[in-house]
Protein backbone atom coordinates (compact mmCIF):
# COMPACT_ATOMS: atom_id res chain seq x y z
CA MET A 1 -149.42 -114.07 -82.72
CA PHE A 2 -152.02 -114.78 -85.42
CA ARG A 3 -154.61 -112.94 -83.33
CA HIS A 4 -152.23 -109.98 -83.13
CA PHE A 5 -151.82 -109.96 -86.93
CA ILE A 6 -155.59 -110.01 -87.38
CA SER A 7 -155.90 -107.09 -84.94
CA LEU A 8 -153.35 -105.08 -86.91
CA GLU A 9 -155.19 -105.68 -90.19
CA TRP A 10 -158.49 -104.75 -88.59
CA LYS A 11 -157.05 -101.44 -87.38
CA SER A 12 -155.42 -100.84 -90.76
CA PHE A 13 -158.79 -101.23 -92.50
CA PHE A 14 -160.71 -98.86 -90.21
CA ARG A 15 -157.94 -96.25 -90.00
CA SER A 16 -157.28 -96.17 -93.72
CA ALA A 17 -157.83 -92.88 -95.55
CA SER A 18 -159.90 -94.82 -98.09
CA PHE A 19 -162.06 -96.45 -95.40
CA ALA A 20 -165.40 -95.23 -96.80
CA THR A 21 -164.53 -96.37 -100.32
CA ASN A 22 -163.22 -99.73 -99.14
CA LEU A 23 -166.30 -100.30 -96.97
CA ALA A 24 -168.70 -99.50 -99.83
CA LEU A 25 -166.81 -101.78 -102.20
CA LYS A 26 -166.74 -104.60 -99.66
CA ILE A 27 -170.50 -104.30 -99.19
CA ILE A 28 -171.03 -104.49 -102.96
CA MET A 29 -168.60 -107.39 -103.20
CA GLY A 30 -170.54 -109.08 -100.40
CA PHE A 31 -173.73 -108.93 -102.46
CA MET A 32 -171.85 -110.27 -105.47
CA ALA A 33 -170.46 -113.10 -103.32
CA ILE A 34 -173.98 -114.04 -102.21
CA TYR A 35 -175.13 -113.97 -105.84
CA PHE A 36 -172.35 -116.35 -106.94
CA MET A 37 -172.97 -118.62 -103.96
CA VAL A 38 -176.62 -118.97 -104.92
CA ILE A 39 -175.65 -119.69 -108.54
CA PHE A 40 -173.15 -122.37 -107.48
CA VAL A 41 -175.63 -124.03 -105.11
CA ALA A 42 -178.27 -124.12 -107.86
CA ALA A 43 -175.72 -125.54 -110.29
CA GLY A 44 -174.54 -128.14 -107.77
CA VAL A 45 -178.08 -129.43 -107.28
CA GLY A 46 -179.40 -128.94 -110.80
CA VAL A 47 -176.50 -130.32 -112.83
CA PHE A 48 -177.14 -133.85 -111.51
CA TYR A 49 -180.75 -133.97 -112.69
CA LEU A 50 -179.99 -132.06 -115.87
CA ILE A 51 -177.40 -134.63 -116.93
CA LYS A 52 -179.35 -137.67 -115.75
CA GLU A 53 -182.82 -136.79 -117.04
CA ASP A 54 -182.15 -134.63 -120.09
CA ALA A 55 -178.88 -136.09 -121.37
CA GLN A 56 -179.51 -139.62 -120.07
CA LEU A 57 -175.92 -139.91 -118.84
CA ASP A 58 -174.25 -140.78 -115.56
CA PRO A 59 -173.89 -137.40 -113.76
CA LEU A 60 -170.71 -138.27 -111.86
CA VAL A 61 -168.94 -139.72 -114.90
CA THR A 62 -169.94 -136.72 -117.01
CA VAL A 63 -168.82 -134.19 -114.40
CA ASN A 64 -165.50 -136.03 -113.98
CA LYS A 65 -164.95 -135.87 -117.72
CA PHE A 66 -164.99 -132.08 -117.78
CA LEU A 67 -163.46 -131.38 -114.37
CA ILE A 68 -160.07 -130.73 -115.96
CA TYR A 69 -161.52 -127.69 -117.74
CA TYR A 70 -163.28 -126.61 -114.56
CA PHE A 71 -159.98 -126.48 -112.69
CA VAL A 72 -158.15 -124.82 -115.58
CA ALA A 73 -160.82 -122.13 -115.80
CA ASP A 74 -160.62 -121.70 -112.03
CA LEU A 75 -156.86 -121.20 -112.23
CA VAL A 76 -157.15 -118.58 -114.97
CA VAL A 77 -159.88 -116.69 -113.08
CA ARG A 78 -157.77 -116.81 -109.91
CA TYR A 79 -154.76 -115.36 -111.70
CA PHE A 80 -156.61 -112.28 -112.86
CA PHE A 81 -158.98 -111.75 -109.94
CA GLN A 82 -157.71 -113.35 -106.74
CA GLN A 83 -155.74 -110.93 -104.61
CA MET A 84 -152.54 -112.41 -103.28
CA PRO A 85 -152.24 -112.56 -99.49
CA VAL A 86 -150.70 -109.23 -98.55
CA THR A 87 -148.96 -108.56 -95.26
CA ASN A 88 -147.00 -105.42 -94.53
CA ILE A 89 -143.87 -107.42 -93.83
CA LYS A 90 -141.19 -104.72 -93.65
CA PRO A 91 -142.07 -103.54 -90.12
CA LEU A 92 -142.49 -107.16 -89.00
CA LEU A 93 -139.05 -108.21 -90.22
CA THR A 94 -137.36 -105.70 -87.91
CA LEU A 95 -139.16 -107.19 -84.89
CA PRO A 96 -138.38 -110.42 -83.02
CA ILE A 97 -141.10 -112.36 -84.86
CA ASN A 98 -140.39 -115.78 -86.31
CA ARG A 99 -140.53 -115.51 -90.10
CA ASN A 100 -142.17 -118.94 -90.26
CA THR A 101 -145.11 -117.46 -88.35
CA ILE A 102 -145.40 -114.60 -90.83
CA VAL A 103 -145.41 -116.95 -93.82
CA HIS A 104 -147.86 -119.43 -92.25
CA TYR A 105 -150.26 -116.62 -91.39
CA THR A 106 -150.07 -115.07 -94.84
CA LEU A 107 -150.58 -118.37 -96.64
CA GLY A 108 -153.41 -119.12 -94.22
CA LYS A 109 -155.18 -116.01 -95.51
CA SER A 110 -155.11 -117.50 -99.00
CA ILE A 111 -156.62 -120.75 -97.70
CA ILE A 112 -159.78 -119.02 -96.47
CA SER A 113 -160.07 -116.97 -99.64
CA PHE A 114 -163.51 -116.60 -101.24
CA PHE A 115 -162.10 -118.27 -104.34
CA ASN A 116 -161.68 -121.46 -102.32
CA VAL A 117 -164.85 -121.26 -100.25
CA LEU A 118 -167.00 -120.64 -103.35
CA HIS A 119 -166.31 -124.13 -104.72
CA ALA A 120 -167.89 -125.67 -101.62
CA PHE A 121 -171.24 -124.23 -102.71
CA PHE A 122 -171.07 -126.38 -105.85
CA PHE A 123 -169.34 -129.58 -104.79
CA ILE A 124 -171.03 -130.08 -101.40
CA PRO A 125 -174.61 -129.85 -102.77
CA PHE A 126 -173.59 -132.06 -105.70
CA THR A 127 -172.15 -134.63 -103.27
CA VAL A 128 -175.30 -134.51 -101.14
CA VAL A 129 -177.40 -135.24 -104.24
CA LEU A 130 -175.05 -138.14 -105.07
CA LEU A 131 -175.56 -139.59 -101.59
CA LEU A 132 -179.33 -139.22 -101.86
CA ASN A 133 -179.24 -141.09 -105.15
CA GLY A 134 -177.37 -144.12 -103.83
CA TYR A 135 -173.76 -143.38 -104.75
CA GLY A 136 -172.58 -144.45 -101.30
CA PHE A 137 -169.92 -143.20 -98.89
CA GLN A 138 -167.31 -143.09 -101.67
CA ALA A 139 -168.96 -139.87 -102.85
CA VAL A 140 -167.53 -138.30 -99.67
CA LEU A 141 -164.06 -139.57 -100.58
CA TRP A 142 -164.52 -138.04 -104.04
CA LEU A 143 -165.45 -134.73 -102.39
CA LEU A 144 -162.33 -134.81 -100.20
CA GLY A 145 -160.14 -135.42 -103.25
CA ILE A 146 -161.78 -132.63 -105.26
CA TRP A 147 -161.52 -130.24 -102.32
CA ALA A 148 -157.80 -131.01 -102.03
CA LEU A 149 -157.41 -130.20 -105.74
CA VAL A 150 -159.10 -126.83 -105.15
CA TYR A 151 -156.25 -126.01 -102.75
CA VAL A 152 -153.73 -127.36 -105.25
CA ASN A 153 -155.02 -124.68 -107.60
CA ASN A 154 -154.77 -122.11 -104.82
CA PHE A 155 -151.08 -122.75 -104.18
CA ILE A 156 -150.27 -123.02 -107.89
CA ASN A 157 -151.84 -119.60 -108.33
CA VAL A 158 -149.74 -118.17 -105.50
CA LEU A 159 -146.60 -119.47 -107.20
CA ILE A 160 -147.37 -118.44 -110.78
CA ASN A 161 -148.20 -114.92 -109.63
CA ASN A 162 -144.50 -114.69 -108.84
CA LYS A 163 -143.39 -116.46 -112.00
CA ASN A 164 -144.95 -115.24 -115.23
CA SER A 165 -142.60 -117.59 -117.06
CA VAL A 166 -144.73 -120.41 -115.65
CA PHE A 167 -148.12 -118.84 -116.30
CA TYR A 168 -147.89 -117.97 -119.98
CA PRO A 169 -146.64 -121.38 -121.16
CA LEU A 170 -149.43 -122.90 -119.06
CA VAL A 171 -151.99 -120.72 -120.85
CA ALA A 172 -150.53 -121.71 -124.22
CA VAL A 173 -150.80 -125.40 -123.35
CA VAL A 174 -154.38 -125.03 -122.10
CA LEU A 175 -155.49 -123.10 -125.18
CA GLY A 176 -153.76 -125.63 -127.40
CA LEU A 177 -155.47 -128.56 -125.69
CA GLY A 178 -158.82 -126.76 -125.81
CA ALA A 179 -158.45 -126.09 -129.53
CA ALA A 180 -157.34 -129.68 -130.14
CA GLN A 181 -160.44 -131.00 -128.42
CA TYR A 182 -162.73 -128.52 -130.18
CA TYR A 183 -161.44 -129.66 -133.57
CA LYS A 184 -161.39 -133.32 -132.38
CA LEU A 185 -157.64 -133.70 -132.81
CA PHE A 186 -156.83 -134.69 -129.23
CA ASP A 187 -159.06 -135.27 -126.21
CA ILE A 188 -157.29 -134.60 -122.92
CA THR A 189 -160.32 -135.79 -120.96
CA VAL A 190 -159.57 -139.37 -122.03
CA TYR A 191 -156.54 -139.24 -119.72
CA THR A 192 -157.89 -137.02 -116.92
CA GLN A 193 -161.32 -138.60 -116.46
CA PRO A 194 -159.95 -141.92 -115.10
CA PHE A 195 -158.13 -140.02 -112.35
CA PHE A 196 -161.18 -138.02 -111.26
CA GLN A 197 -163.33 -141.14 -111.51
CA GLY A 198 -160.74 -142.96 -109.45
CA LEU A 199 -161.33 -140.53 -106.58
CA TYR A 200 -164.75 -142.17 -106.35
CA GLY A 201 -163.96 -145.67 -107.55
CA THR A 202 -161.16 -146.34 -105.05
CA VAL A 203 -160.75 -145.82 -101.32
CA TYR A 204 -157.18 -144.52 -101.50
CA LEU A 205 -156.70 -142.23 -104.53
CA PHE A 206 -158.14 -139.21 -102.67
CA VAL A 207 -155.11 -139.45 -100.36
CA LEU A 208 -152.88 -138.68 -103.36
CA ALA A 209 -154.78 -135.44 -104.00
CA ILE A 210 -154.46 -134.45 -100.33
CA ALA A 211 -150.76 -135.28 -100.36
CA LEU A 212 -150.28 -133.13 -103.47
CA ALA A 213 -151.95 -130.18 -101.74
CA VAL A 214 -149.73 -130.63 -98.65
CA VAL A 215 -146.58 -130.83 -100.78
CA LEU A 216 -147.52 -127.68 -102.69
CA TYR A 217 -148.22 -125.86 -99.42
CA TYR A 218 -144.79 -126.84 -98.13
CA TYR A 219 -143.07 -125.84 -101.39
CA THR A 220 -144.89 -122.50 -101.38
CA PHE A 221 -144.00 -121.98 -97.73
CA VAL A 222 -140.31 -122.66 -98.35
CA TYR A 223 -140.28 -120.44 -101.46
CA PHE A 224 -141.72 -117.42 -99.63
CA ARG A 225 -139.73 -117.99 -96.46
CA ASN A 226 -136.51 -117.91 -98.49
CA ASN A 227 -137.64 -114.71 -100.22
CA LEU A 228 -138.94 -113.00 -97.10
CA ASN A 229 -136.26 -110.34 -96.80
CA LEU A 230 -136.28 -106.57 -96.67
CA ASP A 231 -134.28 -106.31 -99.86
CA THR A 232 -136.19 -109.00 -101.79
CA GLY A 233 -137.14 -107.74 -105.21
CA LEU A 234 -135.30 -104.43 -104.79
CA ALA A 235 -132.23 -105.35 -106.78
CA LYS A 236 -132.36 -106.46 -110.38
CA LYS A 237 -129.54 -108.29 -112.07
CA SER A 238 -128.57 -106.87 -115.41
CA ALA A 239 -125.82 -107.99 -117.72
CA GLU A 240 -125.87 -104.70 -119.58
CA ALA A 241 -126.89 -101.26 -118.41
CA LYS A 242 -129.28 -99.52 -120.77
CA THR A 243 -130.75 -96.03 -120.86
CA GLU A 244 -133.95 -94.93 -122.54
CA ASN A 245 -134.15 -91.26 -123.34
CA LEU A 246 -137.16 -91.30 -125.69
CA THR A 247 -135.95 -87.95 -126.95
CA TRP A 248 -138.56 -87.85 -129.71
CA LEU A 249 -141.14 -87.01 -127.03
CA ASN A 250 -139.29 -83.83 -126.06
CA GLN A 251 -141.09 -81.95 -128.83
CA PHE A 252 -144.28 -82.17 -126.76
CA GLY A 253 -142.82 -80.24 -123.83
CA THR A 254 -144.08 -81.05 -120.34
CA LEU A 255 -146.65 -83.42 -121.80
CA GLY A 256 -143.85 -85.41 -123.40
CA THR A 257 -141.97 -85.60 -120.08
CA PHE A 258 -144.99 -87.18 -118.38
CA LEU A 259 -145.47 -89.58 -121.28
CA LYS A 260 -141.83 -90.67 -121.04
CA ASN A 261 -142.24 -91.34 -117.33
CA ASP A 262 -145.35 -93.48 -117.95
CA ILE A 263 -143.74 -95.47 -120.76
CA LYS A 264 -140.66 -96.18 -118.64
CA MET A 265 -142.83 -97.14 -115.68
CA ILE A 266 -144.77 -99.66 -117.79
CA LYS A 267 -141.61 -101.20 -119.22
CA ARG A 268 -139.76 -101.46 -115.90
CA ASN A 269 -142.43 -102.61 -113.45
CA LYS A 270 -144.43 -105.81 -113.28
CA ARG A 271 -147.84 -104.49 -112.28
CA PRO A 272 -148.23 -101.88 -115.04
CA ARG A 273 -146.85 -104.41 -117.52
CA ASN A 274 -149.61 -106.77 -116.44
CA THR A 275 -152.19 -104.10 -117.29
CA VAL A 276 -150.86 -104.23 -120.85
CA VAL A 277 -151.13 -108.04 -120.84
CA ALA A 278 -154.70 -107.85 -119.52
CA SER A 279 -155.51 -105.30 -122.23
CA ILE A 280 -154.27 -107.65 -124.93
CA VAL A 281 -156.41 -110.43 -123.47
CA PHE A 282 -159.41 -108.08 -123.58
CA ILE A 283 -158.99 -107.69 -127.34
CA PHE A 284 -159.90 -111.37 -127.71
CA TYR A 285 -162.66 -111.07 -125.13
CA GLY A 286 -165.08 -110.15 -127.91
CA ILE A 287 -164.99 -113.71 -129.26
CA LEU A 288 -167.27 -114.65 -126.36
CA PHE A 289 -169.80 -112.02 -127.48
CA PHE A 290 -169.71 -112.11 -131.27
CA THR A 291 -169.96 -115.88 -131.68
CA ASP A 292 -172.20 -118.60 -130.31
CA PHE A 293 -169.48 -119.68 -127.88
CA VAL A 294 -171.61 -118.29 -124.99
CA PRO A 295 -175.22 -118.18 -126.24
CA ALA A 296 -176.32 -115.81 -123.45
CA TYR A 297 -173.84 -113.19 -124.72
CA ASN A 298 -174.99 -113.37 -128.32
CA ASN A 299 -177.53 -110.54 -128.18
CA PRO A 300 -177.45 -106.87 -129.25
CA THR A 301 -177.05 -105.37 -125.77
CA MET A 302 -174.13 -107.60 -124.85
CA HIS A 303 -172.50 -106.94 -128.22
CA VAL A 304 -171.90 -103.28 -127.40
CA PHE A 305 -170.63 -104.40 -124.00
CA GLY A 306 -168.05 -106.49 -125.83
CA GLY A 307 -167.18 -103.57 -128.10
CA ILE A 308 -166.39 -101.38 -125.09
CA PHE A 309 -164.12 -103.99 -123.54
CA VAL A 310 -162.31 -104.97 -126.75
CA SER A 311 -161.24 -101.40 -127.50
CA GLY A 312 -160.96 -100.09 -123.93
CA GLY A 313 -159.05 -102.78 -122.07
CA PHE A 314 -156.02 -100.58 -121.36
CA LEU A 315 -158.16 -97.54 -120.65
CA LEU A 316 -160.28 -99.34 -118.06
CA ASN A 317 -157.30 -101.10 -116.46
CA PHE A 318 -154.64 -98.41 -116.47
CA GLY A 319 -157.05 -95.51 -115.99
CA GLN A 320 -158.51 -96.95 -112.77
CA PHE A 321 -155.14 -96.42 -111.08
CA VAL A 322 -154.54 -92.79 -112.01
CA PRO A 323 -152.88 -91.18 -110.05
CA SER A 324 -152.01 -94.22 -107.89
CA TRP A 325 -149.31 -95.23 -110.36
CA ASP A 326 -147.35 -92.20 -109.15
CA SER A 327 -148.18 -92.60 -105.46
CA ALA A 328 -144.57 -93.41 -104.52
CA TYR A 329 -143.41 -89.93 -105.55
CA TYR A 330 -146.73 -88.04 -105.59
CA GLN A 331 -145.65 -85.77 -102.73
CA LEU A 332 -142.53 -84.77 -104.64
CA MET A 333 -144.57 -84.06 -107.77
CA MET A 334 -146.99 -81.86 -105.87
CA SER A 335 -144.10 -79.85 -104.40
CA GLN A 336 -143.02 -78.88 -107.92
CA ASN A 337 -144.51 -76.30 -110.23
CA ILE A 338 -146.45 -78.90 -112.21
CA SER A 339 -149.66 -78.19 -114.11
CA TYR A 340 -152.43 -80.64 -113.31
CA ARG A 341 -153.74 -80.09 -116.84
CA GLU A 342 -150.48 -81.32 -118.39
CA TYR A 343 -150.31 -84.26 -115.98
CA LEU A 344 -153.86 -85.38 -116.74
CA SER A 345 -153.43 -84.78 -120.46
CA SER A 346 -150.46 -87.16 -120.56
CA LYS A 347 -152.57 -89.93 -118.98
CA TRP A 348 -155.44 -89.13 -121.35
CA TRP A 349 -153.25 -89.30 -124.45
CA LEU A 350 -151.68 -92.56 -123.33
CA MET A 351 -155.14 -94.12 -122.92
CA VAL A 352 -156.37 -92.71 -126.23
CA ILE A 353 -153.34 -94.03 -128.14
CA ALA A 354 -153.82 -97.47 -126.55
CA THR A 355 -157.54 -97.42 -127.43
CA VAL A 356 -156.83 -96.57 -131.08
CA PHE A 357 -154.15 -99.27 -131.23
CA SER A 358 -156.47 -101.89 -129.72
CA THR A 359 -159.18 -100.96 -132.22
CA LEU A 360 -156.79 -101.39 -135.14
CA VAL A 361 -155.53 -104.74 -133.83
CA ALA A 362 -159.14 -105.86 -133.40
CA SER A 363 -159.75 -105.42 -137.13
CA PHE A 364 -159.66 -109.23 -137.41
CA TYR A 365 -163.26 -109.12 -136.13
CA LEU A 366 -164.18 -108.13 -139.68
CA TYR A 367 -164.16 -111.88 -140.22
CA PHE A 368 -167.45 -111.94 -138.28
CA GLY A 369 -168.90 -109.13 -140.40
CA TRP A 370 -168.58 -105.37 -140.71
CA LYS A 371 -171.41 -104.81 -138.21
CA VAL A 372 -169.38 -106.56 -135.52
CA TYR A 373 -166.32 -104.40 -136.17
CA LEU A 374 -168.57 -101.31 -136.28
CA LEU A 375 -169.59 -102.05 -132.68
CA ILE A 376 -165.91 -102.13 -131.69
CA VAL A 377 -165.23 -98.82 -133.46
CA VAL A 378 -168.29 -97.26 -131.82
CA GLY A 379 -167.08 -98.58 -128.46
CA ALA A 380 -163.68 -96.97 -129.09
CA ILE A 381 -165.32 -93.61 -129.85
CA TYR A 382 -167.31 -93.82 -126.62
CA ASN A 383 -164.20 -94.81 -124.66
CA ILE A 384 -162.23 -91.86 -126.00
CA GLY A 385 -165.03 -89.31 -125.60
CA VAL A 386 -166.63 -90.40 -122.33
CA ASN A 387 -164.86 -93.19 -120.46
CA SER A 388 -161.45 -91.54 -120.69
CA HIS A 389 -162.85 -88.60 -118.71
CA LEU A 390 -164.72 -90.82 -116.27
CA VAL A 391 -161.64 -92.83 -115.29
CA LEU A 392 -159.67 -89.63 -114.71
CA LEU A 393 -162.54 -88.22 -112.68
CA GLY A 394 -162.67 -91.36 -110.57
CA GLY A 395 -158.92 -91.13 -110.03
CA ALA A 396 -159.36 -87.88 -108.11
CA TYR A 397 -160.99 -89.88 -105.33
CA ASN A 398 -158.56 -92.79 -105.53
CA LYS A 399 -156.78 -92.90 -102.18
CA THR A 400 -155.09 -96.30 -102.53
CA SER A 401 -151.36 -96.28 -103.19
CA ILE A 402 -149.58 -98.78 -105.45
CA ASP A 403 -146.27 -100.40 -104.63
CA LEU A 404 -144.42 -100.69 -107.93
CA THR A 405 -141.84 -102.98 -106.31
CA ALA A 406 -144.54 -105.66 -106.32
CA SER A 407 -142.29 -108.48 -107.44
CA LYS A 408 -141.20 -109.29 -103.89
CA ALA A 409 -142.88 -111.87 -101.69
CA PHE A 410 -146.45 -111.10 -100.72
CA GLY A 411 -146.48 -107.90 -102.73
CA GLN A 412 -149.37 -106.66 -104.86
CA LYS A 413 -149.36 -108.67 -108.03
CA GLN A 414 -152.74 -108.40 -109.63
CA ALA A 415 -153.17 -106.10 -112.60
CA PHE A 416 -156.90 -106.51 -112.43
CA SER A 417 -159.20 -106.98 -109.42
CA PHE A 418 -162.84 -107.00 -108.43
CA LYS A 419 -162.51 -103.33 -107.49
CA ASN A 420 -161.58 -102.45 -111.06
CA LEU A 421 -164.55 -104.42 -112.34
CA LEU A 422 -166.98 -102.77 -109.94
CA ILE A 423 -165.77 -99.25 -110.74
CA ALA A 424 -166.04 -100.04 -114.47
CA VAL A 425 -169.73 -100.99 -114.24
CA PRO A 426 -171.17 -97.44 -114.63
CA LYS A 427 -168.92 -96.85 -117.62
CA ILE A 428 -170.46 -99.87 -119.34
CA LEU A 429 -174.15 -99.50 -118.49
CA LEU A 430 -174.72 -96.14 -120.22
CA PRO A 431 -173.56 -97.22 -123.71
CA MET A 432 -175.52 -100.46 -123.32
CA LEU A 433 -178.68 -98.51 -122.51
CA LEU A 434 -178.11 -96.07 -125.39
CA TYR A 435 -177.55 -98.89 -127.85
CA ALA A 436 -180.51 -100.92 -126.57
CA PHE A 437 -182.82 -97.92 -126.91
CA GLY A 438 -181.68 -97.18 -130.48
CA TYR A 439 -181.71 -100.86 -131.47
CA PHE A 440 -185.15 -101.81 -130.18
CA VAL A 441 -186.90 -98.53 -131.00
CA PHE A 442 -185.30 -98.01 -134.42
CA ASN A 443 -182.54 -100.32 -135.69
CA ALA A 444 -178.95 -101.41 -135.06
CA GLU A 445 -177.45 -98.53 -137.03
CA ILE A 446 -179.33 -95.95 -134.94
CA GLY A 447 -178.14 -97.74 -131.79
CA CYS A 448 -174.52 -97.44 -132.95
CA LEU A 449 -175.10 -93.81 -133.89
CA MET A 450 -176.41 -92.93 -130.42
CA VAL A 451 -173.38 -94.47 -128.69
CA ALA A 452 -170.99 -92.80 -131.14
CA LEU A 453 -172.72 -89.42 -130.69
CA ALA A 454 -172.28 -89.70 -126.92
CA GLY A 455 -168.55 -90.21 -127.49
CA ILE A 456 -168.31 -87.34 -129.98
CA ILE A 457 -170.17 -84.97 -127.63
CA GLY A 458 -167.85 -85.99 -124.79
CA PHE A 459 -164.82 -85.30 -126.97
CA ALA A 460 -166.23 -81.93 -128.04
CA PHE A 461 -166.49 -80.88 -124.38
CA ARG A 462 -163.05 -82.24 -123.56
CA ASP A 463 -161.64 -78.89 -122.41
CA LYS A 464 -164.64 -78.25 -120.17
CA MET A 465 -164.34 -81.72 -118.67
CA PHE A 466 -160.62 -81.27 -118.05
CA THR A 467 -161.31 -77.99 -116.25
CA ILE A 468 -163.81 -79.71 -113.96
CA ILE A 469 -161.52 -82.69 -113.36
CA GLU A 470 -158.55 -80.40 -112.68
CA LYS A 471 -160.50 -78.49 -110.02
CA ILE A 472 -161.50 -81.73 -108.31
CA TYR A 473 -157.90 -82.98 -108.31
CA LYS A 474 -156.78 -79.71 -106.72
CA SER A 475 -159.48 -79.91 -104.06
CA GLU A 476 -158.44 -83.50 -103.26
CA LYS A 477 -154.71 -82.78 -103.45
CA TYR A 478 -153.84 -82.79 -99.76
CA ALA A 479 -156.20 -85.65 -98.88
CA THR A 480 -154.54 -87.72 -101.61
CA ILE A 481 -151.04 -86.86 -100.38
CA GLU A 482 -151.99 -87.84 -96.83
CA ALA A 483 -153.52 -91.11 -98.04
CA TYR A 484 -150.46 -92.02 -100.10
CA LYS A 485 -148.27 -91.64 -97.02
CA GLN A 486 -149.99 -94.72 -95.69
CA ARG A 487 -148.78 -98.12 -96.84
CA VAL A 488 -151.69 -100.54 -96.68
């Protein structure tokens, strides 16, 4: 049966209307995977000698001390980037297929995820170096325990993607513990290091880690098996029925109607709500660039990169899925007398308003100096004038539908993915190049001016750009409708 499921997914990939796009993205993601593998292998080998020779410390003890933060960072990265195992379960549930088989297969896909395999390229080389330096066979037991904890993270991530009420308190606790350690108020590693060290120092503690992974697998299996129904996630309990008319938007005519639909969609559905959450997180993303927290980021070129992300989090996240947000009823929309210009304008205004709001909220960066906040303002101008048009233009070729009922088992849950990141790369490189040219040839102010001018010029040609984008959407209309009929 597993082989049959694999065959179905293989056919689904090659027969998809977005096959060419998916293939190109997978090739690019393959190169990125190789890049990260090489980095992890180098880190796994080099960290031992770096700690031993430069810091004059015991490499294993030192690594065990900070492993808690390694696993926490891994969990956070998984939440935002790792795609949940997706199986088109509705057709399967009407067939005489054991639901246990469906769940085991789908969870099995998460086990062989790149996010699990990648850790092997760090821990296996590190363990080999330990063995070569006389740490004995117990280094292998340590590796088995660590590897089990990698899968503990995997199953925790699967669960918290279905329970945001678990994720956000977890983030609050992690940030609190991190801040407490940074300010030397409380050191969590004092309590976690003995456990990780015990994976090496004993011959039995690694069994506890393996048992924890098995228990979490079973709990996850039971949870999804109990929720594996056709009507799972379709009904919402409500103690009080509420209506939202948003009548104040009626003054904007058809544009206001589209805006009302988008606002209601964001408030009522998990995936678009998560784009808002990711956008809020992006506002604080600049702390990595405008401080010495990550020394490699503290340079002029990366500063403008941070400015683009701080102000354009919603634009880059939400805009990547236009018009996929409306894929469920796109055919109905296209059968009506609807102006593409009004439809696109509503998305544009929503992204612009969010960009302005993010820029205002980010005013706390003035604490780091007015030049830092100037970069964020310049990034906002570029986002409004250029990137807002680019995301809409890219949407014309977006042939992947979105299931807004993504709260059910094995549904789409990620608000942000590697695809979004890859598509966003061209939108980031141009302002970085403009700023770098102005900065290194003249000065920082000229660099900011060049990026801002690009945004102003883009805004000045807004009508021309909308005309071009509208024509492309019309030319892709029927291909998009056909693609959205498919449920991948």
